[in-house]
Amino acid sequence: MPNPVVHFDIAGTDGPALQAFYAAAFGWTVNADNPMQYGLVEAQGTGIGGGIEGADAAGVTVYIEVDDLQAYLDRVESLGGTTVQGITTIPGMVTMALFADPEGNVIGLVHSETPPA
C-alpha cells in the first residue's frame, strides 16, 4: 500500500492514567521517560508504533507517511479537506502536518528521511 499508516496517537486529559490503562489492557510497554512524558509504544509483530499523551481533549489520530507534506496538504485541500496544522518539525523526532477530511476527521501526515520498513 502506498503511503501507509505508520503511527497512532491516543490523547486524553490524564496522560499517565491513559498510559497505564492501555499498558494493563493490552500488555503494551509504554515508555514515557522523555521531557514531554509522551508515552511511546513500540511496534510489535505486524502492528504499528504509536504514542499516548496528556492533552486538552481526548482523541485518536493516525499518521500517514508521505514523501512531500506540502504536496499532500495541497491535494487534500483540492479534494475538500482543510489544513488543521501546517508543516511542523519537532527536532530529532518528526516532521508532520494535520488535516481534516470533508467529514471533520483529523489525520496526520508525517515525512521521514528514511521511511519505515
PDB file of N, CA and C in Angstrom:
ATOM      1  N   MET A   1       0.858  -1.175   0.000  1.00  0.00           N
ATOM      2  CA  MET A   1       0.000   0.000   0.000  1.00  0.00           C
ATOM      3  C   MET A   1       0.898   1.229   0.000  1.00  0.00           C
ATOM      4  N   PRO A   2       0.691   2.139  -0.968  1.00  0.00           N
ATOM      5  CA  PRO A   2       1.461   3.384  -0.908  1.00  0.00           C
ATOM      6  C   PRO A   2       0.969   4.229   0.260  1.00  0.00           C
ATOM      7  N   ASN A   3       1.845   5.017   0.818  1.00  0.00           N
ATOM      8  CA  ASN A   3       1.506   5.916   1.907  1.00  0.00           C
ATOM      9  C   ASN A   3       0.807   5.188   3.056  1.00  0.00           C
ATOM     10  N   PRO A   4       1.521   4.295   3.745  1.00  0.00           N
ATOM     11  CA  PRO A   4       0.906   3.513   4.820  1.00  0.00           C
ATOM     12  C   PRO A   4       0.670   4.326   6.089  1.00  0.00           C
ATOM     13  N   VAL A   5      -0.255   3.853   6.903  1.00  0.00           N
ATOM     14  CA  VAL A   5      -0.421   4.390   8.254  1.00  0.00           C
ATOM     15  C   VAL A   5       0.779   3.893   9.053  1.00  0.00           C
ATOM     16  N   VAL A   6       1.512   4.810   9.670  1.00  0.00           N
ATOM     17  CA  VAL A   6       2.761   4.439  10.337  1.00  0.00           C
ATOM     18  C   VAL A   6       2.810   4.772  11.826  1.00  0.00           C
ATOM     19  N   HIS A   7       1.791   5.457  12.338  1.00  0.00           N
ATOM     20  CA  HIS A   7       1.845   5.879  13.738  1.00  0.00           C
ATOM     21  C   HIS A   7       0.430   6.185  14.210  1.00  0.00           C
ATOM     22  N   PHE A   8       0.179   5.991  15.494  1.00  0.00           N
ATOM     23  CA  PHE A   8      -1.086   6.412  16.091  1.00  0.00           C
ATOM     24  C   PHE A   8      -0.780   7.264  17.311  1.00  0.00           C
ATOM     25  N   ASP A   9      -1.728   8.093  17.671  1.00  0.00           N
ATOM     26  CA  ASP A   9      -1.604   8.917  18.862  1.00  0.00           C
ATOM     27  C   ASP A   9      -2.943   8.870  19.595  1.00  0.00           C
ATOM     28  N   ILE A  10      -2.900   8.483  20.853  1.00  0.00           N
ATOM     29  CA  ILE A  10      -4.101   8.462  21.691  1.00  0.00           C
ATOM     30  C   ILE A  10      -3.907   9.537  22.750  1.00  0.00           C
ATOM     31  N   ALA A  11      -4.835  10.485  22.825  1.00  0.00           N
ATOM     32  CA  ALA A  11      -4.707  11.602  23.752  1.00  0.00           C
ATOM     33  C   ALA A  11      -5.871  11.630  24.730  1.00  0.00           C
ATOM     34  N   GLY A  12      -5.588  12.082  25.923  1.00  0.00           N
ATOM     35  CA  GLY A  12      -6.612  12.266  26.938  1.00  0.00           C
ATOM     36  C   GLY A  12      -6.130  13.263  27.970  1.00  0.00           C
ATOM     37  N   THR A  13      -7.020  13.714  28.812  1.00  0.00           N
ATOM     38  CA  THR A  13      -6.670  14.764  29.773  1.00  0.00           C
ATOM     39  C   THR A  13      -5.747  14.285  30.879  1.00  0.00           C
ATOM     40  N   ASP A  14      -5.659  12.976  31.121  1.00  0.00           N
ATOM     41  CA  ASP A  14      -4.750  12.418  32.129  1.00  0.00           C
ATOM     42  C   ASP A  14      -3.840  11.408  31.439  1.00  0.00           C
ATOM     43  N   GLY A  15      -2.747  11.914  30.879  1.00  0.00           N
ATOM     44  CA  GLY A  15      -1.827  11.076  30.114  1.00  0.00           C
ATOM     45  C   GLY A  15      -1.306   9.869  30.874  1.00  0.00           C
ATOM     46  N   PRO A  16      -0.761  10.044  32.092  1.00  0.00           N
ATOM     47  CA  PRO A  16      -0.245   8.882  32.821  1.00  0.00           C
ATOM     48  C   PRO A  16      -1.310   7.815  33.095  1.00  0.00           C
ATOM     49  N   ALA A  17      -2.530   8.223  33.424  1.00  0.00           N
ATOM     50  CA  ALA A  17      -3.594   7.239  33.666  1.00  0.00           C
ATOM     51  C   ALA A  17      -3.959   6.515  32.376  1.00  0.00           C
ATOM     52  N   LEU A  18      -3.991   7.243  31.266  1.00  0.00           N
ATOM     53  CA  LEU A  18      -4.302   6.629  29.980  1.00  0.00           C
ATOM     54  C   LEU A  18      -3.198   5.656  29.562  1.00  0.00           C
ATOM     55  N   GLN A  19      -1.950   6.030  29.806  1.00  0.00           N
ATOM     56  CA  GLN A  19      -0.830   5.141  29.507  1.00  0.00           C
ATOM     57  C   GLN A  19      -0.940   3.860  30.326  1.00  0.00           C
ATOM     58  N   ALA A  20      -1.260   3.987  31.606  1.00  0.00           N
ATOM     59  CA  ALA A  20      -1.412   2.814  32.473  1.00  0.00           C
ATOM     60  C   ALA A  20      -2.583   1.945  32.009  1.00  0.00           C
ATOM     61  N   PHE A  21      -3.668   2.565  31.580  1.00  0.00           N
ATOM     62  CA  PHE A  21      -4.832   1.823  31.104  1.00  0.00           C
ATOM     63  C   PHE A  21      -4.460   0.935  29.913  1.00  0.00           C
ATOM     64  N   TYR A  22      -3.834   1.525  28.885  1.00  0.00           N
ATOM     65  CA  TYR A  22      -3.503   0.746  27.692  1.00  0.00           C
ATOM     66  C   TYR A  22      -2.438  -0.306  27.975  1.00  0.00           C
ATOM     67  N   ALA A  23      -1.499   0.006  28.866  1.00  0.00           N
ATOM     68  CA  ALA A  23      -0.488  -0.987  29.237  1.00  0.00           C
ATOM     69  C   ALA A  23      -1.147  -2.193  29.897  1.00  0.00           C
ATOM     70  N   ALA A  24      -2.081  -1.940  30.814  1.00  0.00           N
ATOM     71  CA  ALA A  24      -2.755  -3.028  31.521  1.00  0.00           C
ATOM     72  C   ALA A  24      -3.735  -3.773  30.618  1.00  0.00           C
ATOM     73  N   ALA A  25      -4.462  -3.046  29.776  1.00  0.00           N
ATOM     74  CA  ALA A  25      -5.492  -3.671  28.943  1.00  0.00           C
ATOM     75  C   ALA A  25      -4.904  -4.552  27.850  1.00  0.00           C
ATOM     76  N   PHE A  26      -3.787  -4.127  27.259  1.00  0.00           N
ATOM     77  CA  PHE A  26      -3.269  -4.835  26.087  1.00  0.00           C
ATOM     78  C   PHE A  26      -1.840  -5.356  26.250  1.00  0.00           C
ATOM     79  N   GLY A  27      -1.249  -5.180  27.427  1.00  0.00           N
ATOM     80  CA  GLY A  27       0.103  -5.657  27.637  1.00  0.00           C
ATOM     81  C   GLY A  27       1.157  -4.848  26.902  1.00  0.00           C
ATOM     82  N   TRP A  28       0.826  -3.613  26.540  1.00  0.00           N
ATOM     83  CA  TRP A  28       1.774  -2.766  25.830  1.00  0.00           C
ATOM     84  C   TRP A  28       2.824  -2.233  26.794  1.00  0.00           C
ATOM     85  N   THR A  29       4.052  -2.113  26.322  1.00  0.00           N
ATOM     86  CA  THR A  29       5.092  -1.414  27.058  1.00  0.00           C
ATOM     87  C   THR A  29       5.023   0.048  26.628  1.00  0.00           C
ATOM     88  N   VAL A  30       4.793   0.928  27.582  1.00  0.00           N
ATOM     89  CA  VAL A  30       4.664   2.360  27.305  1.00  0.00           C
ATOM     90  C   VAL A  30       5.826   3.067  27.976  1.00  0.00           C
ATOM     91  N   ASN A  31       6.668   3.714  27.187  1.00  0.00           N
ATOM     92  CA  ASN A  31       7.846   4.392  27.714  1.00  0.00           C
ATOM     93  C   ASN A  31       7.636   5.905  27.644  1.00  0.00           C
ATOM     94  N   ALA A  32       7.390   6.518  28.802  1.00  0.00           N
ATOM     95  CA  ALA A  32       7.180   7.963  28.867  1.00  0.00           C
ATOM     96  C   ALA A  32       8.377   8.671  29.490  1.00  0.00           C
ATOM     97  N   ASP A  33       9.540   8.032  29.440  1.00  0.00           N
ATOM     98  CA  ASP A  33      10.750   8.600  30.020  1.00  0.00           C
ATOM     99  C   ASP A  33      11.386   9.585  29.038  1.00  0.00           C
ATOM    100  N   ASN A  34      10.719  10.741  28.877  1.00  0.00           N
ATOM    101  CA  ASN A  34      11.212  11.801  27.998  1.00  0.00           C
ATOM    102  C   ASN A  34      10.658  13.120  28.525  1.00  0.00           C
ATOM    103  N   PRO A  35      11.246  14.240  28.132  1.00  0.00           N
ATOM    104  CA  PRO A  35      10.817  15.529  28.687  1.00  0.00           C
ATOM    105  C   PRO A  35       9.337  15.848  28.488  1.00  0.00           C
ATOM    106  N   MET A  36       8.723  15.340  27.415  1.00  0.00           N
ATOM    107  CA  MET A  36       7.313  15.634  27.149  1.00  0.00           C
ATOM    108  C   MET A  36       6.380  14.618  27.812  1.00  0.00           C
ATOM    109  N   GLN A  37       6.955  13.582  28.431  1.00  0.00           N
ATOM    110  CA  GLN A  37       6.188  12.486  29.024  1.00  0.00           C
ATOM    111  C   GLN A  37       5.221  11.864  28.009  1.00  0.00           C
ATOM    112  N   TYR A  38       5.677  11.842  26.749  1.00  0.00           N
ATOM    113  CA  TYR A  38       4.918  11.222  25.662  1.00  0.00           C
ATOM    114  C   TYR A  38       5.150   9.720  25.752  1.00  0.00           C
ATOM    115  N   GLY A  39       4.115   8.950  25.934  1.00  0.00           N
ATOM    116  CA  GLY A  39       4.233   7.513  26.131  1.00  0.00           C
ATOM    117  C   GLY A  39       4.411   6.773  24.823  1.00  0.00           C
ATOM    118  N   LEU A  40       5.638   6.463  24.473  1.00  0.00           N
ATOM    119  CA  LEU A  40       5.917   5.752  23.233  1.00  0.00           C
ATOM    120  C   LEU A  40       5.554   4.285  23.364  1.00  0.00           C
ATOM    121  N   VAL A  41       4.882   3.765  22.352  1.00  0.00           N
ATOM    122  CA  VAL A  41       4.510   2.357  22.271  1.00  0.00           C
ATOM    123  C   VAL A  41       5.212   1.798  21.043  1.00  0.00           C
ATOM    124  N   GLU A  42       6.123   0.850  21.240  1.00  0.00           N
ATOM    125  CA  GLU A  42       6.871   0.272  20.130  1.00  0.00           C
ATOM    126  C   GLU A  42       5.998  -0.683  19.328  1.00  0.00           C
ATOM    127  N   ALA A  43       6.232  -0.737  18.016  1.00  0.00           N
ATOM    128  CA  ALA A  43       5.518  -1.664  17.146  1.00  0.00           C
ATOM    129  C   ALA A  43       5.868  -3.098  17.530  1.00  0.00           C
ATOM    130  N   GLN A  44       4.884  -3.959  17.481  1.00  0.00           N
ATOM    131  CA  GLN A  44       5.070  -5.379  17.763  1.00  0.00           C
ATOM    132  C   GLN A  44       4.495  -6.181  16.600  1.00  0.00           C
ATOM    133  N   GLY A  45       5.206  -7.194  16.142  1.00  0.00           N
ATOM    134  CA  GLY A  45       4.700  -8.038  15.069  1.00  0.00           C
ATOM    135  C   GLY A  45       4.349  -7.222  13.845  1.00  0.00           C
ATOM    136  N   THR A  46       3.124  -7.338  13.375  1.00  0.00           N
ATOM    137  CA  THR A  46       2.697  -6.606  12.185  1.00  0.00           C
ATOM    138  C   THR A  46       2.065  -5.263  12.528  1.00  0.00           C
ATOM    139  N   GLY A  47       2.017  -4.918  13.812  1.00  0.00           N
ATOM    140  CA  GLY A  47       1.399  -3.662  14.228  1.00  0.00           C
ATOM    141  C   GLY A  47       2.289  -2.465  13.987  1.00  0.00           C
ATOM    142  N   ILE A  48       1.739  -1.286  14.248  1.00  0.00           N
ATOM    143  CA  ILE A  48       2.488  -0.040  14.124  1.00  0.00           C
ATOM    144  C   ILE A  48       2.720   0.529  15.512  1.00  0.00           C
ATOM    145  N   GLY A  49       3.749   1.327  15.649  1.00  0.00           N
ATOM    146  CA  GLY A  49       4.017   2.002  16.904  1.00  0.00           C
ATOM    147  C   GLY A  49       3.166   3.245  17.035  1.00  0.00           C
ATOM    148  N   GLY A  50       3.157   3.793  18.245  1.00  0.00           N
ATOM    149  CA  GLY A  50       2.375   4.987  18.467  1.00  0.00           C
ATOM    150  C   GLY A  50       2.744   5.656  19.762  1.00  0.00           C
ATOM    151  N   GLY A  51       1.825   6.455  20.262  1.00  0.00           N
ATOM    152  CA  GLY A  51       2.069   7.168  21.492  1.00  0.00           C
ATOM    153  C   GLY A  51       0.782   7.478  22.213  1.00  0.00           C
ATOM    154  N   ILE A  52       0.925   7.679  23.519  1.00  0.00           N
ATOM    155  CA  ILE A  52      -0.214   8.005  24.378  1.00  0.00           C
ATOM    156  C   ILE A  52       0.203   9.220  25.194  1.00  0.00           C
ATOM    157  N   GLU A  53      -0.643  10.257  25.183  1.00  0.00           N
ATOM    158  CA  GLU A  53      -0.240  11.513  25.809  1.00  0.00           C
ATOM    159  C   GLU A  53      -1.379  12.211  26.520  1.00  0.00           C
ATOM    160  N   GLY A  54      -0.990  13.113  27.398  1.00  0.00           N
ATOM    161  CA  GLY A  54      -1.948  14.014  28.011  1.00  0.00           C
ATOM    162  C   GLY A  54      -2.171  15.198  27.094  1.00  0.00           C
ATOM    163  N   ALA A  55      -3.415  15.645  26.993  1.00  0.00           N
ATOM    164  CA  ALA A  55      -3.752  16.765  26.110  1.00  0.00           C
ATOM    165  C   ALA A  55      -4.983  17.467  26.655  1.00  0.00           C
ATOM    166  N   ASP A  56      -5.371  18.552  26.020  1.00  0.00           N
ATOM    167  CA  ASP A  56      -6.554  19.297  26.453  1.00  0.00           C
ATOM    168  C   ASP A  56      -7.851  18.538  26.203  1.00  0.00           C
ATOM    169  N   ALA A  57      -7.825  17.624  25.217  1.00  0.00           N
ATOM    170  CA  ALA A  57      -9.040  16.888  24.869  1.00  0.00           C
ATOM    171  C   ALA A  57      -8.673  15.471  24.452  1.00  0.00           C
ATOM    172  N   ALA A  58      -9.627  14.575  24.560  1.00  0.00           N
ATOM    173  CA  ALA A  58      -9.423  13.190  24.159  1.00  0.00           C
ATOM    174  C   ALA A  58      -9.567  13.050  22.650  1.00  0.00           C
ATOM    175  N   GLY A  59      -8.865  12.080  22.084  1.00  0.00           N
ATOM    176  CA  GLY A  59      -8.996  11.808  20.660  1.00  0.00           C
ATOM    177  C   GLY A  59      -7.952  10.819  20.195  1.00  0.00           C
ATOM    178  N   VAL A  60      -8.165  10.291  19.015  1.00  0.00           N
ATOM    179  CA  VAL A  60      -7.227   9.361  18.390  1.00  0.00           C
ATOM    180  C   VAL A  60      -6.882   9.915  17.009  1.00  0.00           C
ATOM    181  N   THR A  61      -5.602   9.913  16.683  1.00  0.00           N
ATOM    182  CA  THR A  61      -5.143  10.364  15.377  1.00  0.00           C
ATOM    183  C   THR A  61      -4.242   9.288  14.786  1.00  0.00           C
ATOM    184  N   VAL A  62      -4.419   8.993  13.505  1.00  0.00           N
ATOM    185  CA  VAL A  62      -3.484   8.129  12.793  1.00  0.00           C
ATOM    186  C   VAL A  62      -2.641   9.008  11.886  1.00  0.00           C
ATOM    187  N   TYR A  63      -1.430   8.530  11.598  1.00  0.00           N
ATOM    188  CA  TYR A  63      -0.486   9.294  10.788  1.00  0.00           C
ATOM    189  C   TYR A  63      -0.090   8.491   9.562  1.00  0.00           C
ATOM    190  N   ILE A  64      -0.103   9.150   8.409  1.00  0.00           N
ATOM    191  CA  ILE A  64       0.206   8.532   7.131  1.00  0.00           C
ATOM    192  C   ILE A  64       1.564   9.054   6.656  1.00  0.00           C
ATOM    193  N   GLU A  65       2.446   8.144   6.254  1.00  0.00           N
ATOM    194  CA  GLU A  65       3.760   8.515   5.727  1.00  0.00           C
ATOM    195  C   GLU A  65       3.614   8.993   4.289  1.00  0.00           C
ATOM    196  N   VAL A  66       4.157  10.180   3.992  1.00  0.00           N
ATOM    197  CA  VAL A  66       4.150  10.729   2.634  1.00  0.00           C
ATOM    198  C   VAL A  66       5.539  11.247   2.291  1.00  0.00           C
ATOM    199  N   ASP A  67       5.810  11.402   1.004  1.00  0.00           N
ATOM    200  CA  ASP A  67       7.129  11.875   0.587  1.00  0.00           C
ATOM    201  C   ASP A  67       7.222  13.393   0.467  1.00  0.00           C
ATOM    202  N   ASP A  68       6.087  14.087   0.433  1.00  0.00           N
ATOM    203  CA  ASP A  68       6.084  15.545   0.271  1.00  0.00           C
ATOM    204  C   ASP A  68       4.866  16.103   1.014  1.00  0.00           C
ATOM    205  N   LEU A  69       5.098  16.607   2.216  1.00  0.00           N
ATOM    206  CA  LEU A  69       3.993  17.072   3.056  1.00  0.00           C
ATOM    207  C   LEU A  69       3.153  18.148   2.372  1.00  0.00           C
ATOM    208  N   GLN A  70       3.789  19.154   1.805  1.00  0.00           N
ATOM    209  CA  GLN A  70       3.025  20.245   1.202  1.00  0.00           C
ATOM    210  C   GLN A  70       2.213  19.765   0.014  1.00  0.00           C
ATOM    211  N   ALA A  71       2.772  18.887  -0.803  1.00  0.00           N
ATOM    212  CA  ALA A  71       2.032  18.372  -1.956  1.00  0.00           C
ATOM    213  C   ALA A  71       0.769  17.634  -1.499  1.00  0.00           C
ATOM    214  N   TYR A  72       0.872  16.866  -0.418  1.00  0.00           N
ATOM    215  CA  TYR A  72      -0.306  16.145   0.061  1.00  0.00           C
ATOM    216  C   TYR A  72      -1.307  17.078   0.739  1.00  0.00           C
ATOM    217  N   LEU A  73      -0.837  18.102   1.452  1.00  0.00           N
ATOM    218  CA  LEU A  73      -1.772  19.091   2.006  1.00  0.00           C
ATOM    219  C   LEU A  73      -2.529  19.788   0.877  1.00  0.00           C
ATOM    220  N   ASP A  74      -1.810  20.140  -0.194  1.00  0.00           N
ATOM    221  CA  ASP A  74      -2.455  20.778  -1.342  1.00  0.00           C
ATOM    222  C   ASP A  74      -3.487  19.846  -1.971  1.00  0.00           C
ATOM    223  N   ARG A  75      -3.144  18.562  -2.108  1.00  0.00           N
ATOM    224  CA  ARG A  75      -4.072  17.590  -2.698  1.00  0.00           C
ATOM    225  C   ARG A  75      -5.307  17.447  -1.823  1.00  0.00           C
ATOM    226  N   VAL A  76      -5.100  17.336  -0.499  1.00  0.00           N
ATOM    227  CA  VAL A  76      -6.218  17.214   0.445  1.00  0.00           C
ATOM    228  C   VAL A  76      -7.158  18.409   0.300  1.00  0.00           C
ATOM    229  N   GLU A  77      -6.595  19.603   0.256  1.00  0.00           N
ATOM    230  CA  GLU A  77      -7.423  20.807   0.137  1.00  0.00           C
ATOM    231  C   GLU A  77      -8.169  20.846  -1.190  1.00  0.00           C
ATOM    232  N   SER A  78      -7.538  20.367  -2.264  1.00  0.00           N
ATOM    233  CA  SER A  78      -8.211  20.365  -3.569  1.00  0.00           C
ATOM    234  C   SER A  78      -9.382  19.386  -3.597  1.00  0.00           C
ATOM    235  N   LEU A  79      -9.379  18.429  -2.663  1.00  0.00           N
ATOM    236  CA  LEU A  79     -10.443  17.426  -2.586  1.00  0.00           C
ATOM    237  C   LEU A  79     -11.488  17.744  -1.519  1.00  0.00           C
ATOM    238  N   GLY A  80     -11.376  18.925  -0.900  1.00  0.00           N
ATOM    239  CA  GLY A  80     -12.385  19.329   0.072  1.00  0.00           C
ATOM    240  C   GLY A  80     -11.957  19.242   1.519  1.00  0.00           C
ATOM    241  N   GLY A  81     -10.726  18.823   1.780  1.00  0.00           N
ATOM    242  CA  GLY A  81     -10.214  18.804   3.147  1.00  0.00           C
ATOM    243  C   GLY A  81      -9.642  20.154   3.524  1.00  0.00           C
ATOM    244  N   THR A  82      -9.227  20.293   4.787  1.00  0.00           N
ATOM    245  CA  THR A  82      -8.635  21.541   5.249  1.00  0.00           C
ATOM    246  C   THR A  82      -7.394  21.255   6.084  1.00  0.00           C
ATOM    247  N   THR A  83      -6.419  22.139   5.984  1.00  0.00           N
ATOM    248  CA  THR A  83      -5.217  22.014   6.815  1.00  0.00           C
ATOM    249  C   THR A  83      -5.565  22.466   8.225  1.00  0.00           C
ATOM    250  N   VAL A  84      -5.258  21.633   9.198  1.00  0.00           N
ATOM    251  CA  VAL A  84      -5.503  21.944  10.609  1.00  0.00           C
ATOM    252  C   VAL A  84      -4.223  22.481  11.248  1.00  0.00           C
ATOM    253  N   GLN A  85      -3.101  21.866  10.905  1.00  0.00           N
ATOM    254  CA  GLN A  85      -1.792  22.310  11.396  1.00  0.00           C
ATOM    255  C   GLN A  85      -0.820  22.199  10.240  1.00  0.00           C
ATOM    256  N   GLY A  86      -0.182  23.298   9.909  1.00  0.00           N
ATOM    257  CA  GLY A  86       0.787  23.283   8.817  1.00  0.00           C
ATOM    258  C   GLY A  86       2.001  22.445   9.168  1.00  0.00           C
ATOM    259  N   ILE A  87       2.941  22.407   8.257  1.00  0.00           N
ATOM    260  CA  ILE A  87       4.142  21.596   8.432  1.00  0.00           C
ATOM    261  C   ILE A  87       4.900  22.062   9.675  1.00  0.00           C
ATOM    262  N   THR A  88       5.148  21.117  10.562  1.00  0.00           N
ATOM    263  CA  THR A  88       5.805  21.379  11.847  1.00  0.00           C
ATOM    264  C   THR A  88       6.910  20.360  12.048  1.00  0.00           C
ATOM    265  N   THR A  89       8.069  20.824  12.481  1.00  0.00           N
ATOM    266  CA  THR A  89       9.170  19.912  12.780  1.00  0.00           C
ATOM    267  C   THR A  89       9.418  19.907  14.276  1.00  0.00           C
ATOM    268  N   ILE A  90       9.430  18.718  14.858  1.00  0.00           N
ATOM    269  CA  ILE A  90       9.848  18.528  16.247  1.00  0.00           C
ATOM    270  C   ILE A  90      11.260  17.975  16.141  1.00  0.00           C
ATOM    271  N   PRO A  91      12.271  18.804  16.446  1.00  0.00           N
ATOM    272  CA  PRO A  91      13.662  18.415  16.215  1.00  0.00           C
ATOM    273  C   PRO A  91      13.993  17.046  16.823  1.00  0.00           C
ATOM    274  N   GLY A  92      14.672  16.253  16.015  1.00  0.00           N
ATOM    275  CA  GLY A  92      15.093  14.930  16.457  1.00  0.00           C
ATOM    276  C   GLY A  92      13.986  13.896  16.496  1.00  0.00           C
ATOM    277  N   MET A  93      12.752  14.296  16.149  1.00  0.00           N
ATOM    278  CA  MET A  93      11.647  13.348  16.241  1.00  0.00           C
ATOM    279  C   MET A  93      10.908  13.184  14.917  1.00  0.00           C
ATOM    280  N   VAL A  94      10.260  14.256  14.426  1.00  0.00           N
ATOM    281  CA  VAL A  94       9.369  14.084  13.283  1.00  0.00           C
ATOM    282  C   VAL A  94       9.083  15.424  12.611  1.00  0.00           C
ATOM    283  N   THR A  95       8.777  15.360  11.308  1.00  0.00           N
ATOM    284  CA  THR A  95       8.206  16.492  10.582  1.00  0.00           C
ATOM    285  C   THR A  95       6.804  16.055  10.183  1.00  0.00           C
ATOM    286  N   MET A  96       5.813  16.868  10.504  1.00  0.00           N
ATOM    287  CA  MET A  96       4.420  16.439  10.383  1.00  0.00           C
ATOM    288  C   MET A  96       3.491  17.587  10.023  1.00  0.00           C
ATOM    289  N   ALA A  97       2.264  17.246   9.700  1.00  0.00           N
ATOM    290  CA  ALA A  97       1.177  18.208   9.478  1.00  0.00           C
ATOM    291  C   ALA A  97      -0.125  17.483   9.797  1.00  0.00           C
ATOM    292  N   LEU A  98      -1.190  18.239  10.017  1.00  0.00           N
ATOM    293  CA  LEU A  98      -2.509  17.661  10.280  1.00  0.00           C
ATOM    294  C   LEU A  98      -3.523  18.256   9.312  1.00  0.00           C
ATOM    295  N   PHE A  99      -4.461  17.412   8.862  1.00  0.00           N
ATOM    296  CA  PHE A  99      -5.556  17.904   8.032  1.00  0.00           C
ATOM    297  C   PHE A  99      -6.859  17.306   8.526  1.00  0.00           C
ATOM    298  N   ALA A 100      -7.964  17.949   8.153  1.00  0.00           N
ATOM    299  CA  ALA A 100      -9.299  17.403   8.414  1.00  0.00           C
ATOM    300  C   ALA A 100      -9.894  17.005   7.076  1.00  0.00           C
ATOM    301  N   ASP A 101     -10.479  15.794   7.032  1.00  0.00           N
ATOM    302  CA  ASP A 101     -11.145  15.361   5.809  1.00  0.00           C
ATOM    303  C   ASP A 101     -12.492  16.074   5.702  1.00  0.00           C
ATOM    304  N   PRO A 102     -13.228  15.881   4.611  1.00  0.00           N
ATOM    305  CA  PRO A 102     -14.500  16.593   4.458  1.00  0.00           C
ATOM    306  C   PRO A 102     -15.526  16.307   5.555  1.00  0.00           C
ATOM    307  N   GLU A 103     -15.380  15.212   6.300  1.00  0.00           N
ATOM    308  CA  GLU A 103     -16.288  14.897   7.410  1.00  0.00           C
ATOM    309  C   GLU A 103     -15.772  15.397   8.755  1.00  0.00           C
ATOM    310  N   GLY A 104     -14.580  16.007   8.776  1.00  0.00           N
ATOM    311  CA  GLY A 104     -14.031  16.560  10.003  1.00  0.00           C
ATOM    312  C   GLY A 104     -13.067  15.661  10.755  1.00  0.00           C
ATOM    313  N   ASN A 105     -12.773  14.461  10.235  1.00  0.00           N
ATOM    314  CA  ASN A 105     -11.797  13.579  10.875  1.00  0.00           C
ATOM    315  C   ASN A 105     -10.406  14.170  10.712  1.00  0.00           C
ATOM    316  N   VAL A 106      -9.668  14.290  11.812  1.00  0.00           N
ATOM    317  CA  VAL A 106      -8.315  14.839  11.756  1.00  0.00           C
ATOM    318  C   VAL A 106      -7.326  13.689  11.590  1.00  0.00           C
ATOM    319  N   ILE A 107      -6.474  13.819  10.569  1.00  0.00           N
ATOM    320  CA  ILE A 107      -5.488  12.813  10.206  1.00  0.00           C
ATOM    321  C   ILE A 107      -4.125  13.496  10.141  1.00  0.00           C
ATOM    322  N   GLY A 108      -3.095  12.773  10.568  1.00  0.00           N
ATOM    323  CA  GLY A 108      -1.743  13.311  10.499  1.00  0.00           C
ATOM    324  C   GLY A 108      -1.003  12.823   9.271  1.00  0.00           C
ATOM    325  N   LEU A 109      -0.094  13.647   8.804  1.00  0.00           N
ATOM    326  CA  LEU A 109       0.855  13.283   7.751  1.00  0.00           C
ATOM    327  C   LEU A 109       2.245  13.389   8.341  1.00  0.00           C
ATOM    328  N   VAL A 110       3.114  12.437   8.049  1.00  0.00           N
ATOM    329  CA  VAL A 110       4.485  12.507   8.503  1.00  0.00           C
ATOM    330  C   VAL A 110       5.428  12.261   7.332  1.00  0.00           C
ATOM    331  N   HIS A 111       6.603  12.844   7.450  1.00  0.00           N
ATOM    332  CA  HIS A 111       7.652  12.613   6.465  1.00  0.00           C
ATOM    333  C   HIS A 111       8.937  12.359   7.230  1.00  0.00           C
ATOM    334  N   SER A 112       9.581  11.266   6.875  1.00  0.00           N
ATOM    335  CA  SER A 112      10.887  10.993   7.463  1.00  0.00           C
ATOM    336  C   SER A 112      11.872  10.773   6.332  1.00  0.00           C
ATOM    337  N   GLU A 113      13.122  11.033   6.608  1.00  0.00           N
ATOM    338  CA  GLU A 113      14.149  10.873   5.577  1.00  0.00           C
ATOM    339  C   GLU A 113      14.250   9.417   5.133  1.00  0.00           C
ATOM    340  N   THR A 114      14.068   8.498   6.074  1.00  0.00           N
ATOM    341  CA  THR A 114      14.080   7.072   5.767  1.00  0.00           C
ATOM    342  C   THR A 114      12.735   6.513   6.144  1.00  0.00           C
ATOM    343  N   PRO A 115      11.833   6.271   5.165  1.00  0.00           N
ATOM    344  CA  PRO A 115      10.509   5.728   5.509  1.00  0.00           C
ATOM    345  C   PRO A 115      10.630   4.407   6.235  1.00  0.00           C
ATOM    346  N   PRO A 116       9.677   4.141   7.158  1.00  0.00           N
ATOM    347  CA  PRO A 116       9.722   2.892   7.898  1.00  0.00           C
ATOM    348  C   PRO A 116       9.552   1.674   6.977  1.00  0.00           C
ATOM    349  N   ALA A 117      10.127   0.551   7.427  1.00  0.00           N
ATOM    350  CA  ALA A 117      10.032  -0.681   6.621  1.00  0.00           C
ATOM    351  C   ALA A 117       8.630  -1.230   6.630  1.00  0.00           C
TER     352      ALA A 117
END
